[in-house]
Amino acid sequence: TFASAPPTIAPTTPDELPQALSLVFSRLEPEAKRNRVDTLLEDIRAGRIPSNGVLAAWRGNRMVGAIFAQMQVGRTAVTWPPSALPGEPSRTLDSLIEATLQRLAGENVRVVHAVLDFSTPEDDALLGRGGFKWLADLIYLVSETRHFPAEQPEGPLEFESYAPANHNRLAAILDATYEERSEERRGGKECR
């Protein structure tokens, strides 16, 4: 049958990017998906992110799956697991991961992190077949605009919004945090 033949895996053209990214992030809530896709498209079009990180799986003229990977500094990359249309064989997802890893290896990437907004047993199996191993769950402190309080909470902690004018202050705070941890390591104290 047609679906038993492997799909064609190819980089997307600029016109195909919205469809491919929408497919990659299809499991997100509609607003979150729209925001993620719009932000990535803006970054790609502005040249902040190369567009060659988006691969699509094709059956004839129909896009049936897609994956997105972004190279980072230090010969590393992040990838979002591929997504496919309902009914598409899991081999299509495996082919997308394999093609992405081959492309990244050709760029001298040595470490690839998989980014998951949430994980399912199917994701774990898919990534495992692709050679990924779970190392840790990364939890970021984030407050999305729609959940951010309208008034500053009471208490001794002061909140300050980031702006280019206070960039150096934020950088100094972050540096001090890492210096303290480095001193703890040098002093043999346990880091928390």
Protein backbone atom coordinates (compact mmCIF):
# COMPACT_ATOMS: atom_id res chain seq x y z
CA THR A 1 0.00 0.00 0.00
CA PHE A 2 0.96 3.64 -0.36
CA ALA A 3 1.45 4.14 3.42
CA SER A 4 3.78 1.13 3.63
CA ALA A 5 6.39 2.91 1.50
CA PRO A 6 8.62 5.26 3.49
CA PRO A 7 7.78 8.94 3.15
CA THR A 8 10.15 11.42 1.56
CA ILE A 9 11.93 13.52 4.20
CA ALA A 10 13.03 16.99 3.06
CA PRO A 11 13.71 20.49 4.42
CA THR A 12 10.75 22.81 4.21
CA THR A 13 10.54 25.82 1.95
CA PRO A 14 9.66 29.21 3.47
CA ASP A 15 6.05 28.79 2.30
CA GLU A 16 5.81 25.38 4.01
CA LEU A 17 7.15 26.55 7.38
CA PRO A 18 3.79 27.57 8.93
CA GLN A 19 2.19 24.22 8.12
CA ALA A 20 5.24 22.24 9.30
CA LEU A 21 5.60 24.13 12.59
CA SER A 22 1.85 23.86 13.23
CA LEU A 23 2.21 20.12 12.82
CA VAL A 24 5.25 19.93 15.13
CA PHE A 25 3.37 21.76 17.89
CA SER A 26 -0.05 20.25 17.15
CA ARG A 27 -0.40 18.74 20.63
CA LEU A 28 -0.28 22.12 22.36
CA GLU A 29 -3.39 24.06 23.29
CA PRO A 30 -4.49 26.20 20.30
CA GLU A 31 -3.36 29.54 21.77
CA ALA A 32 -0.01 28.14 22.94
CA LYS A 33 0.53 26.53 19.54
CA ARG A 34 -0.29 29.76 17.70
CA ASN A 35 2.06 31.76 19.94
CA ARG A 36 4.91 29.24 19.55
CA VAL A 37 4.52 29.03 15.78
CA ASP A 38 4.20 32.81 15.34
CA THR A 39 7.29 33.46 17.48
CA LEU A 40 9.38 30.90 15.61
CA LEU A 41 8.24 32.18 12.22
CA GLU A 42 9.15 35.72 13.25
CA ASP A 43 12.59 34.58 14.46
CA ILE A 44 13.22 32.56 11.29
CA ARG A 45 12.13 35.40 8.99
CA ALA A 46 14.31 37.86 10.94
CA GLY A 47 17.31 35.53 10.61
CA ARG A 48 17.64 34.86 14.35
CA ILE A 49 16.98 31.13 13.79
CA PRO A 50 18.00 29.28 10.62
CA SER A 51 15.11 27.73 8.72
CA ASN A 52 17.00 24.53 7.88
CA GLY A 53 15.98 23.01 11.23
CA VAL A 54 12.47 22.20 10.02
CA LEU A 55 12.10 18.90 8.14
CA ALA A 56 8.87 17.49 6.78
CA ALA A 57 7.73 14.02 5.77
CA TRP A 58 5.86 13.88 2.49
CA ARG A 59 3.62 11.34 0.78
CA GLY A 60 3.31 12.73 -2.69
CA ASN A 61 2.27 16.40 -2.28
CA ARG A 62 0.85 15.88 1.21
CA MET A 63 2.85 16.84 4.32
CA VAL A 64 2.27 13.98 6.78
CA GLY A 65 4.80 14.79 9.51
CA ALA A 66 7.34 17.36 10.67
CA ILE A 67 10.13 17.95 13.17
CA PHE A 68 11.99 21.06 14.35
CA ALA A 69 15.57 21.21 15.65
CA GLN A 70 17.58 24.28 16.56
CA MET A 71 21.37 24.35 16.78
CA GLN A 72 22.85 25.98 19.87
CA VAL A 73 26.32 27.12 20.86
CA GLY A 74 28.85 24.54 21.96
CA ARG A 75 28.00 21.95 19.29
CA THR A 76 24.62 21.27 20.88
CA ALA A 77 21.05 21.37 19.61
CA VAL A 78 17.50 21.08 20.87
CA THR A 79 14.75 19.26 19.07
CA TRP A 80 11.05 18.95 19.57
CA PRO A 81 9.74 15.46 18.93
CA PRO A 82 8.13 15.03 15.54
CA SER A 83 4.40 14.92 15.00
CA ALA A 84 2.45 13.27 12.22
CA LEU A 85 -1.07 13.24 10.90
CA PRO A 86 -3.45 10.73 12.48
CA GLY A 87 -3.04 7.27 10.98
CA GLU A 88 0.53 7.88 9.85
CA PRO A 89 2.79 4.93 10.77
CA SER A 90 5.24 5.43 13.64
CA ARG A 91 8.04 4.68 11.14
CA THR A 92 7.43 8.18 9.76
CA LEU A 93 8.27 9.71 13.15
CA ASP A 94 11.34 7.47 13.42
CA SER A 95 12.46 8.60 9.94
CA LEU A 96 12.08 12.27 10.92
CA ILE A 97 14.23 11.79 14.03
CA GLU A 98 16.85 9.87 12.06
CA ALA A 99 17.02 12.51 9.32
CA THR A 100 17.28 15.30 11.90
CA LEU A 101 20.07 13.56 13.81
CA GLN A 102 21.97 12.90 10.56
CA ARG A 103 21.65 16.57 9.58
CA LEU A 104 22.85 17.72 13.00
CA ALA A 105 25.77 15.26 12.96
CA GLY A 106 26.74 16.73 9.58
CA GLU A 107 26.87 20.13 11.30
CA ASN A 108 29.24 18.71 13.96
CA VAL A 109 26.59 18.74 16.70
CA ARG A 110 27.58 16.39 19.52
CA VAL A 111 24.67 16.66 21.99
CA VAL A 112 20.97 16.93 21.17
CA HIS A 113 18.36 17.64 23.85
CA ALA A 114 14.72 16.74 23.28
CA VAL A 115 12.30 19.41 24.47
CA LEU A 116 8.94 18.16 25.68
CA ASP A 117 6.13 20.35 26.91
CA PHE A 118 4.75 17.15 28.43
CA SER A 119 5.73 13.52 28.05
CA THR A 120 3.73 10.45 27.17
CA PRO A 121 4.80 6.79 27.08
CA GLU A 122 4.62 7.08 23.27
CA ASP A 123 7.07 10.01 23.34
CA ASP A 124 9.42 8.06 25.59
CA ALA A 125 9.33 5.05 23.24
CA LEU A 126 9.79 7.24 20.14
CA LEU A 127 12.76 9.09 21.60
CA GLY A 128 14.24 5.83 22.90
CA ARG A 129 14.08 4.31 19.41
CA GLY A 130 15.88 7.43 18.17
CA GLY A 131 18.72 6.90 20.64
CA PHE A 132 17.70 9.49 23.23
CA LYS A 133 18.15 8.68 26.91
CA TRP A 134 16.34 10.47 29.74
CA LEU A 135 18.79 12.42 31.90
CA ALA A 136 16.66 14.93 33.79
CA ASP A 137 13.47 16.92 33.82
CA LEU A 138 14.22 20.61 33.38
CA ILE A 139 11.76 22.85 35.16
CA TYR A 140 11.83 26.54 34.36
CA LEU A 141 10.30 29.27 36.46
CA VAL A 142 7.93 30.95 34.06
CA SER A 143 4.92 33.16 34.49
CA GLU A 144 2.99 33.61 31.28
CA THR A 145 1.32 36.97 30.75
CA ARG A 146 -2.18 35.56 31.10
CA HIS A 147 -1.32 34.13 34.55
CA PHE A 148 0.79 37.00 35.84
CA PRO A 149 -0.81 38.85 38.77
CA ALA A 150 -2.15 42.33 38.10
CA GLU A 151 -0.70 43.63 41.40
CA GLN A 152 2.62 42.91 43.05
CA PRO A 153 2.26 40.29 45.82
CA GLU A 154 2.83 41.46 49.38
CA GLY A 155 6.05 40.48 51.11
CA PRO A 156 9.74 41.35 51.31
CA LEU A 157 10.55 40.08 47.81
CA GLU A 158 10.73 42.82 45.20
CA PHE A 159 9.74 42.14 41.59
CA GLU A 160 11.20 44.04 38.68
CA SER A 161 10.35 43.56 35.01
CA TYR A 162 13.23 43.00 32.64
CA ALA A 163 14.07 45.85 30.28
CA PRO A 164 17.21 46.65 28.31
CA ALA A 165 17.90 49.48 30.77
CA ASN A 166 18.32 47.01 33.67
CA HIS A 167 20.13 44.27 31.70
CA ASN A 168 23.46 44.83 33.47
CA ARG A 169 21.79 44.57 36.88
CA LEU A 170 20.22 41.23 35.96
CA ALA A 171 23.53 39.95 34.57
CA ALA A 172 25.31 40.92 37.80
CA ILE A 173 22.70 39.11 39.90
CA LEU A 174 23.05 35.97 37.79
CA ASP A 175 26.84 36.15 37.92
CA ALA A 176 26.72 36.50 41.72
CA THR A 177 24.50 33.43 41.94
CA TYR A 178 27.00 31.34 39.98
CA GLU A 179 29.98 32.78 41.89
CA GLU A 180 28.41 31.72 45.18
CA ARG A 181 27.82 28.21 43.89
CA SER A 182 31.39 28.05 42.56
CA GLU A 183 32.70 29.12 45.98
CA GLU A 184 30.56 26.44 47.62
CA ARG A 185 32.04 23.82 45.28
CA ARG A 186 35.60 25.01 45.90
CA GLY A 187 35.01 24.99 49.65
CA GLY A 188 33.67 21.46 49.52
CA LYS A 189 30.23 22.50 50.73
CA GLU A 190 27.17 20.78 49.32
CA CYS A 191 25.38 22.82 46.67
CA ARG A 192 21.64 23.25 46.97
